[in-house]
N, C-alpha and C. Protein backbone atom coordinates (compact mmCIF):
# COMPACT_ATOMS: atom_id res chain seq x y z
N GLU A 1 -53.76 14.89 -47.65
CA GLU A 1 -54.17 14.33 -46.37
C GLU A 1 -53.58 15.13 -45.22
N SER A 2 -52.31 15.46 -45.30
CA SER A 2 -51.67 16.27 -44.28
C SER A 2 -50.54 17.05 -44.92
N GLU A 3 -49.96 17.98 -44.18
CA GLU A 3 -48.86 18.76 -44.72
C GLU A 3 -47.64 17.89 -45.01
N ARG A 4 -47.49 16.81 -44.26
CA ARG A 4 -46.36 15.94 -44.48
C ARG A 4 -46.51 15.10 -45.73
N HIS A 5 -47.74 14.87 -46.18
CA HIS A 5 -48.00 14.07 -47.37
C HIS A 5 -48.91 14.84 -48.31
N PRO A 6 -48.38 15.85 -48.98
CA PRO A 6 -49.24 16.64 -49.86
C PRO A 6 -49.75 15.81 -51.03
N VAL A 7 -50.94 16.12 -51.47
CA VAL A 7 -51.51 15.45 -52.63
C VAL A 7 -50.89 16.07 -53.87
N ARG A 8 -50.43 15.23 -54.77
CA ARG A 8 -49.82 15.73 -56.01
C ARG A 8 -50.84 15.61 -57.13
N THR A 9 -51.03 16.69 -57.81
CA THR A 9 -51.92 16.68 -58.96
C THR A 9 -51.14 16.23 -60.18
N ALA A 10 -51.87 15.88 -61.23
CA ALA A 10 -51.21 15.48 -62.48
C ALA A 10 -50.35 16.63 -63.00
N GLU A 11 -50.82 17.86 -62.82
CA GLU A 11 -50.06 19.02 -63.28
C GLU A 11 -48.75 19.15 -62.51
N SER A 12 -48.78 18.97 -61.19
CA SER A 12 -47.55 19.10 -60.41
C SER A 12 -46.58 17.96 -60.74
N LEU A 13 -47.09 16.78 -61.03
CA LEU A 13 -46.23 15.66 -61.41
C LEU A 13 -45.57 15.94 -62.77
N THR A 14 -46.34 16.51 -63.68
CA THR A 14 -45.80 16.86 -64.99
C THR A 14 -44.73 17.94 -64.86
N GLN A 15 -44.99 18.94 -64.02
CA GLN A 15 -44.00 20.00 -63.81
C GLN A 15 -42.73 19.44 -63.18
N ARG A 16 -42.89 18.54 -62.24
CA ARG A 16 -41.74 17.92 -61.58
C ARG A 16 -40.92 17.12 -62.59
N ALA A 17 -41.61 16.34 -63.42
CA ALA A 17 -40.92 15.54 -64.43
C ALA A 17 -40.17 16.45 -65.40
N ARG A 18 -40.78 17.56 -65.76
CA ARG A 18 -40.13 18.51 -66.68
C ARG A 18 -38.90 19.13 -66.02
N ALA A 19 -39.01 19.48 -64.74
CA ALA A 19 -37.86 20.06 -64.02
C ALA A 19 -36.72 19.05 -63.93
N LEU A 20 -37.03 17.80 -63.66
CA LEU A 20 -36.00 16.77 -63.60
C LEU A 20 -35.34 16.57 -64.96
N GLN A 21 -36.15 16.57 -66.01
CA GLN A 21 -35.61 16.43 -67.36
C GLN A 21 -34.70 17.62 -67.68
N HIS A 22 -35.14 18.82 -67.32
CA HIS A 22 -34.33 20.03 -67.54
C HIS A 22 -32.97 19.87 -66.86
N GLY A 23 -32.98 19.46 -65.61
CA GLY A 23 -31.73 19.28 -64.86
C GLY A 23 -30.81 18.27 -65.51
N THR A 24 -31.37 17.16 -65.96
CA THR A 24 -30.58 16.12 -66.62
C THR A 24 -29.97 16.64 -67.91
N LEU A 25 -30.75 17.37 -68.69
CA LEU A 25 -30.26 17.91 -69.96
C LEU A 25 -29.13 18.92 -69.73
N VAL A 26 -29.31 19.81 -68.76
CA VAL A 26 -28.28 20.81 -68.47
C VAL A 26 -27.00 20.13 -68.01
N HIS A 27 -27.12 19.17 -67.10
CA HIS A 27 -25.93 18.45 -66.61
C HIS A 27 -25.19 17.78 -67.76
N ARG A 28 -25.92 17.13 -68.63
CA ARG A 28 -25.29 16.42 -69.74
C ARG A 28 -24.58 17.39 -70.68
N LEU A 29 -25.21 18.52 -70.97
CA LEU A 29 -24.58 19.51 -71.85
C LEU A 29 -23.34 20.10 -71.20
N LEU A 30 -23.42 20.42 -69.90
CA LEU A 30 -22.26 20.98 -69.21
C LEU A 30 -21.14 19.96 -69.08
N GLN A 31 -21.50 18.71 -69.07
CA GLN A 31 -20.49 17.64 -69.01
C GLN A 31 -19.76 17.50 -70.34
N SER A 32 -20.50 17.55 -71.43
CA SER A 32 -19.94 17.19 -72.73
C SER A 32 -19.44 18.35 -73.58
N LEU A 33 -20.14 19.46 -73.57
CA LEU A 33 -19.81 20.55 -74.50
C LEU A 33 -18.42 21.16 -74.33
N PRO A 34 -17.89 21.29 -73.11
CA PRO A 34 -16.55 21.89 -73.01
C PRO A 34 -15.47 21.12 -73.76
N GLU A 35 -15.69 19.85 -74.03
CA GLU A 35 -14.70 19.04 -74.73
C GLU A 35 -14.79 19.20 -76.25
N ILE A 36 -15.81 19.91 -76.71
CA ILE A 36 -16.05 20.09 -78.14
C ILE A 36 -15.57 21.47 -78.55
N ALA A 37 -15.02 21.59 -79.75
CA ALA A 37 -14.54 22.88 -80.25
C ALA A 37 -15.67 23.91 -80.17
N ALA A 38 -15.33 25.11 -79.72
CA ALA A 38 -16.33 26.15 -79.48
C ALA A 38 -17.21 26.41 -80.71
N ALA A 39 -16.65 26.36 -81.88
CA ALA A 39 -17.41 26.64 -83.10
C ALA A 39 -18.49 25.59 -83.37
N ARG A 40 -18.35 24.41 -82.81
CA ARG A 40 -19.31 23.31 -83.05
C ARG A 40 -20.30 23.12 -81.92
N ARG A 41 -20.08 23.77 -80.79
CA ARG A 41 -20.88 23.48 -79.60
C ARG A 41 -22.38 23.71 -79.80
N ARG A 42 -22.75 24.80 -80.42
CA ARG A 42 -24.18 25.10 -80.59
C ARG A 42 -24.87 23.99 -81.39
N ASP A 43 -24.28 23.60 -82.51
CA ASP A 43 -24.87 22.55 -83.35
C ASP A 43 -24.97 21.24 -82.59
N VAL A 44 -23.93 20.90 -81.85
CA VAL A 44 -23.93 19.66 -81.07
C VAL A 44 -25.00 19.71 -79.98
N ALA A 45 -25.12 20.85 -79.32
CA ALA A 45 -26.13 21.01 -78.26
C ALA A 45 -27.53 20.86 -78.83
N LEU A 46 -27.80 21.51 -79.95
CA LEU A 46 -29.14 21.43 -80.55
C LEU A 46 -29.45 20.02 -81.05
N ALA A 47 -28.45 19.34 -81.59
CA ALA A 47 -28.67 17.96 -82.04
C ALA A 47 -28.97 17.06 -80.84
N TYR A 48 -28.23 17.24 -79.77
CA TYR A 48 -28.48 16.45 -78.56
C TYR A 48 -29.89 16.71 -78.03
N LEU A 49 -30.27 17.98 -77.96
CA LEU A 49 -31.59 18.33 -77.44
C LEU A 49 -32.70 17.83 -78.36
N ALA A 50 -32.49 17.83 -79.67
CA ALA A 50 -33.49 17.32 -80.60
C ALA A 50 -33.77 15.84 -80.32
N ARG A 51 -32.72 15.12 -79.92
CA ARG A 51 -32.87 13.68 -79.63
C ARG A 51 -33.42 13.42 -78.23
N ASN A 52 -33.16 14.32 -77.28
CA ASN A 52 -33.41 13.99 -75.88
C ASN A 52 -34.41 14.88 -75.14
N ALA A 53 -34.78 16.01 -75.71
CA ALA A 53 -35.72 16.92 -75.03
C ALA A 53 -37.13 16.65 -75.54
N ASP A 54 -37.66 15.50 -75.17
CA ASP A 54 -38.99 15.10 -75.59
C ASP A 54 -40.03 16.12 -75.13
N GLY A 55 -40.90 16.51 -76.03
CA GLY A 55 -41.98 17.42 -75.68
C GLY A 55 -41.57 18.88 -75.61
N TRP A 56 -40.35 19.20 -75.95
CA TRP A 56 -39.88 20.58 -75.93
C TRP A 56 -40.05 21.17 -77.33
N THR A 57 -40.39 22.44 -77.38
CA THR A 57 -40.49 23.12 -78.66
C THR A 57 -39.09 23.49 -79.15
N ASP A 58 -38.98 23.82 -80.43
CA ASP A 58 -37.69 24.26 -80.96
C ASP A 58 -37.20 25.49 -80.21
N GLU A 59 -38.11 26.39 -79.91
CA GLU A 59 -37.73 27.61 -79.18
C GLU A 59 -37.19 27.29 -77.79
N GLU A 60 -37.82 26.34 -77.11
CA GLU A 60 -37.34 25.94 -75.78
C GLU A 60 -35.97 25.28 -75.86
N ARG A 61 -35.78 24.44 -76.86
CA ARG A 61 -34.48 23.79 -77.04
C ARG A 61 -33.39 24.82 -77.33
N GLN A 62 -33.70 25.76 -78.20
CA GLN A 62 -32.73 26.80 -78.53
C GLN A 62 -32.41 27.66 -77.30
N GLY A 63 -33.41 27.95 -76.49
CA GLY A 63 -33.19 28.73 -75.26
C GLY A 63 -32.29 27.99 -74.29
N LEU A 64 -32.53 26.68 -74.13
CA LEU A 64 -31.71 25.88 -73.22
C LEU A 64 -30.28 25.79 -73.74
N ALA A 65 -30.11 25.59 -75.03
CA ALA A 65 -28.77 25.53 -75.61
C ALA A 65 -28.05 26.87 -75.41
N LYS A 66 -28.75 27.95 -75.67
CA LYS A 66 -28.16 29.29 -75.53
C LYS A 66 -27.71 29.56 -74.10
N SER A 67 -28.56 29.26 -73.12
CA SER A 67 -28.21 29.55 -71.72
C SER A 67 -27.06 28.65 -71.24
N THR A 68 -27.04 27.41 -71.69
CA THR A 68 -25.96 26.50 -71.30
C THR A 68 -24.63 26.91 -71.93
N LEU A 69 -24.67 27.27 -73.19
CA LEU A 69 -23.46 27.73 -73.87
C LEU A 69 -22.94 29.02 -73.24
N ALA A 70 -23.85 29.88 -72.79
CA ALA A 70 -23.43 31.12 -72.13
C ALA A 70 -22.68 30.83 -70.84
N LEU A 71 -23.11 29.81 -70.10
CA LEU A 71 -22.39 29.43 -68.88
C LEU A 71 -20.97 28.99 -69.20
N ILE A 72 -20.83 28.17 -70.21
CA ILE A 72 -19.51 27.65 -70.58
C ILE A 72 -18.60 28.77 -71.06
N ALA A 73 -19.17 29.74 -71.76
CA ALA A 73 -18.37 30.85 -72.33
C ALA A 73 -18.13 31.99 -71.34
N ASP A 74 -18.82 31.99 -70.22
CA ASP A 74 -18.70 33.07 -69.25
C ASP A 74 -17.29 33.09 -68.66
N PRO A 75 -16.57 34.21 -68.77
CA PRO A 75 -15.20 34.26 -68.25
C PRO A 75 -15.10 34.00 -66.75
N ARG A 76 -16.17 34.26 -66.01
CA ARG A 76 -16.15 34.00 -64.56
C ARG A 76 -15.99 32.51 -64.27
N PHE A 77 -16.41 31.67 -65.20
CA PHE A 77 -16.37 30.23 -64.99
C PHE A 77 -15.28 29.55 -65.82
N ALA A 78 -14.39 30.32 -66.39
CA ALA A 78 -13.35 29.78 -67.27
C ALA A 78 -12.58 28.62 -66.63
N PRO A 79 -12.14 28.73 -65.37
CA PRO A 79 -11.41 27.59 -64.79
C PRO A 79 -12.26 26.32 -64.68
N VAL A 80 -13.56 26.49 -64.47
CA VAL A 80 -14.45 25.33 -64.30
C VAL A 80 -14.51 24.50 -65.58
N PHE A 81 -14.52 25.19 -66.73
CA PHE A 81 -14.69 24.49 -67.99
C PHE A 81 -13.41 24.45 -68.83
N ALA A 82 -12.29 24.85 -68.25
CA ALA A 82 -11.02 24.90 -68.98
C ALA A 82 -10.54 23.50 -69.34
N SER A 83 -9.67 23.49 -70.33
CA SER A 83 -9.02 22.24 -70.69
C SER A 83 -8.31 21.69 -69.46
N GLY A 84 -8.47 20.41 -69.22
CA GLY A 84 -7.86 19.80 -68.03
C GLY A 84 -8.83 19.63 -66.88
N SER A 85 -9.92 20.41 -66.87
CA SER A 85 -10.94 20.17 -65.85
C SER A 85 -11.66 18.88 -66.25
N ARG A 86 -12.23 18.21 -65.27
CA ARG A 86 -12.85 16.92 -65.56
C ARG A 86 -14.31 16.91 -65.16
N ALA A 87 -15.12 16.23 -65.96
CA ALA A 87 -16.55 16.14 -65.73
C ALA A 87 -16.92 14.78 -65.15
N GLU A 88 -17.95 14.79 -64.31
CA GLU A 88 -18.53 13.55 -63.78
C GLU A 88 -17.48 12.62 -63.21
N VAL A 89 -16.76 13.12 -62.23
CA VAL A 89 -15.69 12.36 -61.60
C VAL A 89 -16.26 11.54 -60.44
N SER A 90 -16.12 10.23 -60.54
CA SER A 90 -16.57 9.36 -59.45
C SER A 90 -15.63 9.51 -58.27
N ILE A 91 -16.22 9.49 -57.09
CA ILE A 91 -15.42 9.62 -55.87
C ILE A 91 -15.89 8.58 -54.86
N VAL A 92 -14.92 7.92 -54.26
CA VAL A 92 -15.20 6.93 -53.23
C VAL A 92 -14.14 7.12 -52.16
N GLY A 93 -14.58 7.12 -50.92
CA GLY A 93 -13.62 7.29 -49.84
C GLY A 93 -14.18 6.83 -48.51
N ARG A 94 -13.31 6.90 -47.53
CA ARG A 94 -13.66 6.46 -46.18
C ARG A 94 -13.08 7.48 -45.22
N LEU A 95 -13.95 7.99 -44.36
CA LEU A 95 -13.53 8.97 -43.37
C LEU A 95 -13.66 8.35 -41.99
N GLU A 96 -12.58 8.37 -41.25
CA GLU A 96 -12.60 7.76 -39.92
C GLU A 96 -13.42 8.61 -38.96
N ARG A 97 -14.07 7.90 -38.07
CA ARG A 97 -14.90 8.51 -37.04
C ARG A 97 -14.35 8.04 -35.69
N PRO A 98 -13.92 8.95 -34.84
CA PRO A 98 -13.36 8.53 -33.55
C PRO A 98 -14.35 7.67 -32.77
N GLY A 99 -13.95 6.46 -32.46
CA GLY A 99 -14.77 5.58 -31.64
C GLY A 99 -16.01 5.05 -32.32
N GLY A 100 -16.10 5.20 -33.64
CA GLY A 100 -17.30 4.72 -34.33
C GLY A 100 -16.97 4.14 -35.69
N ARG A 101 -18.01 3.71 -36.36
CA ARG A 101 -17.84 3.17 -37.69
C ARG A 101 -17.45 4.28 -38.65
N PRO A 102 -16.61 3.99 -39.64
CA PRO A 102 -16.20 5.04 -40.58
C PRO A 102 -17.37 5.52 -41.43
N VAL A 103 -17.23 6.72 -41.95
CA VAL A 103 -18.21 7.27 -42.88
C VAL A 103 -17.74 6.87 -44.28
N LEU A 104 -18.59 6.18 -45.00
CA LEU A 104 -18.27 5.78 -46.36
C LEU A 104 -18.86 6.81 -47.31
N VAL A 105 -18.04 7.28 -48.23
CA VAL A 105 -18.44 8.33 -49.16
C VAL A 105 -18.38 7.78 -50.58
N SER A 106 -19.44 7.98 -51.32
CA SER A 106 -19.50 7.57 -52.71
C SER A 106 -20.36 8.57 -53.45
N GLY A 107 -19.88 9.07 -54.56
CA GLY A 107 -20.67 10.03 -55.31
C GLY A 107 -20.04 10.39 -56.64
N GLN A 108 -20.58 11.44 -57.22
CA GLN A 108 -20.15 11.92 -58.53
C GLN A 108 -19.98 13.43 -58.46
N ILE A 109 -18.80 13.91 -58.77
CA ILE A 109 -18.53 15.35 -58.78
C ILE A 109 -18.83 15.85 -60.19
N ASP A 110 -19.68 16.87 -60.29
CA ASP A 110 -20.06 17.38 -61.60
C ASP A 110 -18.86 17.91 -62.38
N ARG A 111 -18.01 18.69 -61.70
CA ARG A 111 -16.81 19.22 -62.37
C ARG A 111 -15.70 19.33 -61.34
N LEU A 112 -14.51 18.88 -61.71
CA LEU A 112 -13.36 18.89 -60.82
C LEU A 112 -12.20 19.57 -61.53
N VAL A 113 -11.61 20.55 -60.84
CA VAL A 113 -10.47 21.28 -61.37
C VAL A 113 -9.31 21.08 -60.40
N VAL A 114 -8.21 20.53 -60.90
CA VAL A 114 -7.02 20.31 -60.06
C VAL A 114 -5.87 21.10 -60.68
N THR A 115 -5.32 22.01 -59.89
CA THR A 115 -4.15 22.78 -60.34
C THR A 115 -2.98 22.45 -59.41
N ASP A 116 -1.86 23.11 -59.64
CA ASP A 116 -0.69 22.87 -58.79
C ASP A 116 -0.93 23.28 -57.34
N ASN A 117 -1.82 24.26 -57.14
CA ASN A 117 -2.01 24.82 -55.80
C ASN A 117 -3.33 24.47 -55.14
N GLU A 118 -4.34 24.13 -55.94
CA GLU A 118 -5.65 23.91 -55.35
C GLU A 118 -6.49 22.92 -56.13
N VAL A 119 -7.57 22.51 -55.47
CA VAL A 119 -8.57 21.64 -56.06
C VAL A 119 -9.90 22.36 -55.91
N LEU A 120 -10.68 22.39 -56.99
CA LEU A 120 -12.00 23.02 -56.95
C LEU A 120 -13.04 21.98 -57.32
N ILE A 121 -14.00 21.80 -56.42
CA ILE A 121 -15.14 20.91 -56.63
C ILE A 121 -16.32 21.80 -57.01
N VAL A 122 -16.98 21.49 -58.12
CA VAL A 122 -18.15 22.28 -58.53
C VAL A 122 -19.33 21.34 -58.71
N ASP A 123 -20.42 21.69 -58.07
CA ASP A 123 -21.66 20.92 -58.20
C ASP A 123 -22.68 21.81 -58.90
N PHE A 124 -23.23 21.34 -60.02
CA PHE A 124 -24.22 22.12 -60.76
C PHE A 124 -25.58 21.97 -60.10
N LYS A 125 -26.27 23.10 -59.95
CA LYS A 125 -27.63 23.09 -59.40
C LYS A 125 -28.54 23.83 -60.36
N THR A 126 -29.61 23.18 -60.76
CA THR A 126 -30.52 23.74 -61.74
C THR A 126 -31.81 24.28 -61.11
N ASN A 127 -31.79 24.50 -59.78
CA ASN A 127 -32.96 25.06 -59.10
C ASN A 127 -33.33 26.40 -59.72
N ASN A 128 -34.63 26.66 -59.82
CA ASN A 128 -35.07 27.93 -60.39
C ASN A 128 -34.78 29.11 -59.48
N VAL A 129 -34.90 28.92 -58.17
CA VAL A 129 -34.72 30.02 -57.23
C VAL A 129 -33.62 29.65 -56.24
N PRO A 130 -32.38 29.93 -56.60
CA PRO A 130 -31.29 29.59 -55.67
C PRO A 130 -31.25 30.58 -54.51
N PRO A 131 -30.60 30.19 -53.44
CA PRO A 131 -30.46 31.11 -52.30
C PRO A 131 -29.59 32.30 -52.68
N SER A 132 -29.76 33.38 -51.96
CA SER A 132 -28.99 34.58 -52.29
C SER A 132 -27.63 34.60 -51.60
N ARG A 133 -27.46 33.81 -50.54
CA ARG A 133 -26.18 33.80 -49.82
C ARG A 133 -25.75 32.36 -49.56
N PRO A 134 -24.43 32.14 -49.47
CA PRO A 134 -23.94 30.77 -49.22
C PRO A 134 -24.48 30.16 -47.93
N ASP A 135 -24.70 30.97 -46.90
CA ASP A 135 -25.20 30.38 -45.65
C ASP A 135 -26.66 29.95 -45.74
N GLU A 136 -27.31 30.25 -46.87
CA GLU A 136 -28.69 29.81 -47.11
C GLU A 136 -28.75 28.57 -48.02
N ALA A 137 -27.59 28.10 -48.47
CA ALA A 137 -27.56 26.92 -49.34
C ALA A 137 -28.17 25.73 -48.58
N PRO A 138 -28.95 24.91 -49.26
CA PRO A 138 -29.54 23.75 -48.59
C PRO A 138 -28.47 22.89 -47.92
N ARG A 139 -28.79 22.46 -46.73
CA ARG A 139 -27.82 21.71 -45.94
C ARG A 139 -27.34 20.45 -46.65
N GLY A 140 -28.22 19.79 -47.37
CA GLY A 140 -27.82 18.58 -48.09
C GLY A 140 -26.73 18.86 -49.11
N TYR A 141 -26.79 20.00 -49.76
CA TYR A 141 -25.76 20.37 -50.73
C TYR A 141 -24.43 20.61 -50.03
N VAL A 142 -24.49 21.33 -48.92
CA VAL A 142 -23.27 21.63 -48.16
C VAL A 142 -22.68 20.34 -47.60
N ARG A 143 -23.53 19.48 -47.13
CA ARG A 143 -23.10 18.20 -46.58
C ARG A 143 -22.36 17.37 -47.64
N GLN A 144 -22.93 17.30 -48.83
CA GLN A 144 -22.31 16.56 -49.93
C GLN A 144 -20.93 17.15 -50.26
N LEU A 145 -20.85 18.46 -50.38
CA LEU A 145 -19.57 19.10 -50.69
C LEU A 145 -18.55 18.89 -49.57
N ALA A 146 -19.01 18.91 -48.33
CA ALA A 146 -18.10 18.70 -47.20
C ALA A 146 -17.49 17.30 -47.25
N LEU A 147 -18.30 16.31 -47.59
CA LEU A 147 -17.78 14.94 -47.70
C LEU A 147 -16.79 14.81 -48.85
N TYR A 148 -17.15 15.36 -50.00
CA TYR A 148 -16.24 15.31 -51.15
C TYR A 148 -14.93 16.01 -50.82
N ARG A 149 -15.03 17.16 -50.19
CA ARG A 149 -13.83 17.94 -49.84
C ARG A 149 -12.92 17.15 -48.89
N ALA A 150 -13.52 16.46 -47.93
CA ALA A 150 -12.73 15.69 -46.96
C ALA A 150 -11.99 14.54 -47.66
N VAL A 151 -12.66 13.86 -48.57
CA VAL A 151 -12.02 12.76 -49.29
C VAL A 151 -10.89 13.30 -50.18
N LEU A 152 -11.16 14.37 -50.91
CA LEU A 152 -10.14 14.92 -51.79
C LEU A 152 -8.99 15.54 -51.00
N GLY A 153 -9.27 16.04 -49.80
CA GLY A 153 -8.21 16.57 -48.95
C GLY A 153 -7.19 15.50 -48.59
N LYS A 154 -7.65 14.25 -48.47
CA LYS A 154 -6.73 13.15 -48.20
C LYS A 154 -5.90 12.81 -49.43
N LEU A 155 -6.49 12.97 -50.62
CA LEU A 155 -5.78 12.68 -51.86
C LEU A 155 -4.80 13.79 -52.25
N TYR A 156 -5.13 15.02 -51.87
CA TYR A 156 -4.32 16.18 -52.22
C TYR A 156 -3.96 16.96 -50.95
N PRO A 157 -3.18 16.38 -50.06
CA PRO A 157 -2.92 17.03 -48.76
C PRO A 157 -2.15 18.34 -48.85
N GLN A 158 -1.43 18.57 -49.93
CA GLN A 158 -0.63 19.80 -50.06
C GLN A 158 -1.39 20.91 -50.79
N ARG A 159 -2.65 20.67 -51.14
CA ARG A 159 -3.42 21.66 -51.89
C ARG A 159 -4.64 22.11 -51.11
N VAL A 160 -5.03 23.34 -51.33
CA VAL A 160 -6.28 23.85 -50.76
C VAL A 160 -7.42 23.23 -51.57
N VAL A 161 -8.41 22.70 -50.87
CA VAL A 161 -9.57 22.13 -51.55
C VAL A 161 -10.77 23.04 -51.31
N ARG A 162 -11.30 23.59 -52.40
CA ARG A 162 -12.44 24.50 -52.35
C ARG A 162 -13.66 23.80 -52.95
N ALA A 163 -14.84 24.28 -52.58
CA ALA A 163 -16.07 23.69 -53.10
C ALA A 163 -17.08 24.79 -53.39
N ALA A 164 -17.80 24.63 -54.50
CA ALA A 164 -18.76 25.65 -54.90
C ALA A 164 -19.97 25.02 -55.59
N LEU A 165 -21.06 25.76 -55.56
CA LEU A 165 -22.28 25.40 -56.27
C LEU A 165 -22.40 26.34 -57.47
N LEU A 166 -22.63 25.80 -58.65
CA LEU A 166 -22.89 26.63 -59.82
C LEU A 166 -24.39 26.58 -60.09
N TRP A 167 -25.06 27.69 -59.79
CA TRP A 167 -26.50 27.81 -60.01
C TRP A 167 -26.71 28.17 -61.47
N THR A 168 -27.21 27.23 -62.24
CA THR A 168 -27.28 27.41 -63.69
C THR A 168 -28.34 28.43 -64.11
N GLU A 169 -29.41 28.57 -63.37
CA GLU A 169 -30.48 29.48 -63.78
C GLU A 169 -30.11 30.94 -63.58
N THR A 170 -29.22 31.22 -62.65
CA THR A 170 -28.83 32.60 -62.38
C THR A 170 -27.37 32.86 -62.72
N ALA A 171 -26.67 31.86 -63.23
CA ALA A 171 -25.26 31.97 -63.59
C ALA A 171 -24.44 32.54 -62.42
N GLU A 172 -24.56 31.89 -61.28
CA GLU A 172 -23.83 32.30 -60.08
C GLU A 172 -22.99 31.13 -59.57
N LEU A 173 -21.72 31.42 -59.32
CA LEU A 173 -20.86 30.43 -58.68
C LEU A 173 -20.78 30.80 -57.21
N MET A 174 -21.35 29.97 -56.36
CA MET A 174 -21.44 30.24 -54.93
C MET A 174 -20.45 29.34 -54.19
N GLU A 175 -19.34 29.92 -53.77
CA GLU A 175 -18.37 29.14 -53.02
C GLU A 175 -18.84 29.00 -51.57
N ILE A 176 -18.74 27.80 -51.06
CA ILE A 176 -19.08 27.52 -49.67
C ILE A 176 -17.77 27.64 -48.88
N SER A 177 -17.81 28.40 -47.82
CA SER A 177 -16.58 28.67 -47.06
C SER A 177 -16.01 27.40 -46.44
N ALA A 178 -14.70 27.43 -46.26
CA ALA A 178 -14.02 26.31 -45.61
C ALA A 178 -14.59 26.08 -44.21
N SER A 179 -14.89 27.16 -43.50
CA SER A 179 -15.42 27.00 -42.14
C SER A 179 -16.79 26.34 -42.15
N ALA A 180 -17.64 26.68 -43.10
CA ALA A 180 -18.96 26.04 -43.19
C ALA A 180 -18.83 24.56 -43.54
N LEU A 181 -17.91 24.26 -44.44
CA LEU A 181 -17.70 22.85 -44.82
C LEU A 181 -17.11 22.05 -43.67
N GLU A 182 -16.18 22.65 -42.93
CA GLU A 182 -15.59 21.95 -41.79
C GLU A 182 -16.62 21.73 -40.68
N ALA A 183 -17.49 22.71 -40.47
CA ALA A 183 -18.53 22.56 -39.44
C ALA A 183 -19.50 21.43 -39.83
N GLU A 184 -19.86 21.39 -41.09
CA GLU A 184 -20.76 20.33 -41.55
C GLU A 184 -20.10 18.97 -41.43
N LEU A 185 -18.83 18.88 -41.79
CA LEU A 185 -18.10 17.62 -41.66
C LEU A 185 -18.03 17.18 -40.21
N ALA A 186 -17.76 18.13 -39.33
CA ALA A 186 -17.70 17.80 -37.90
C ALA A 186 -19.02 17.23 -37.40
N SER A 187 -20.14 17.78 -37.90
CA SER A 187 -21.44 17.26 -37.46
C SER A 187 -21.68 15.85 -38.00
N ILE A 188 -21.14 15.56 -39.17
CA ILE A 188 -21.29 14.22 -39.75
C ILE A 188 -20.44 13.22 -38.95
N ILE A 189 -19.21 13.59 -38.68
CA ILE A 189 -18.29 12.71 -37.96
C ILE A 189 -18.76 12.46 -36.53
N ALA A 190 -19.40 13.46 -35.93
CA ALA A 190 -19.84 13.35 -34.54
C ALA A 190 -21.03 12.41 -34.37
N THR A 191 -21.80 12.14 -35.43
CA THR A 191 -23.00 11.32 -35.28
C THR A 191 -22.72 9.86 -35.52
């Protein structure tokens, strides 16, 4: 009818449902597999996908397991999936707003790494075509990370809190700069 309300065909709805299922499967595997002994991960991943990847061929399931296991094994992401990192961490907080109602924050951090010196927030993104630079990251993603960072900054005041997006399709860890996160937080607090 208009550009604001595009007509969705059955094919586009099917593709969307498949993309959502793909994202859910990848998130679940990245959540669970790091806790399993490396020698067993492939079998566990394939068994999980056999139960949950409805309509996927064996080849597609094997490809998804292979790409997900490669992310976990990639040395660039070792701290993200190391022993002691935590998956699916619930976060709730309250950020004061000068002269206004507080900002209430509630969400789920895909992966959280806390060390003696820093905190790393990682959000998994399964988009097929991620941006090439951090300043092109969708504002909603940056906004979410800025809120999480602000809440965790209150919990860990003596540590640097960093935030990054892990683009699963391109195996890229894109850290969002502190200045970009602070600017986004300032815009949230100001409204």
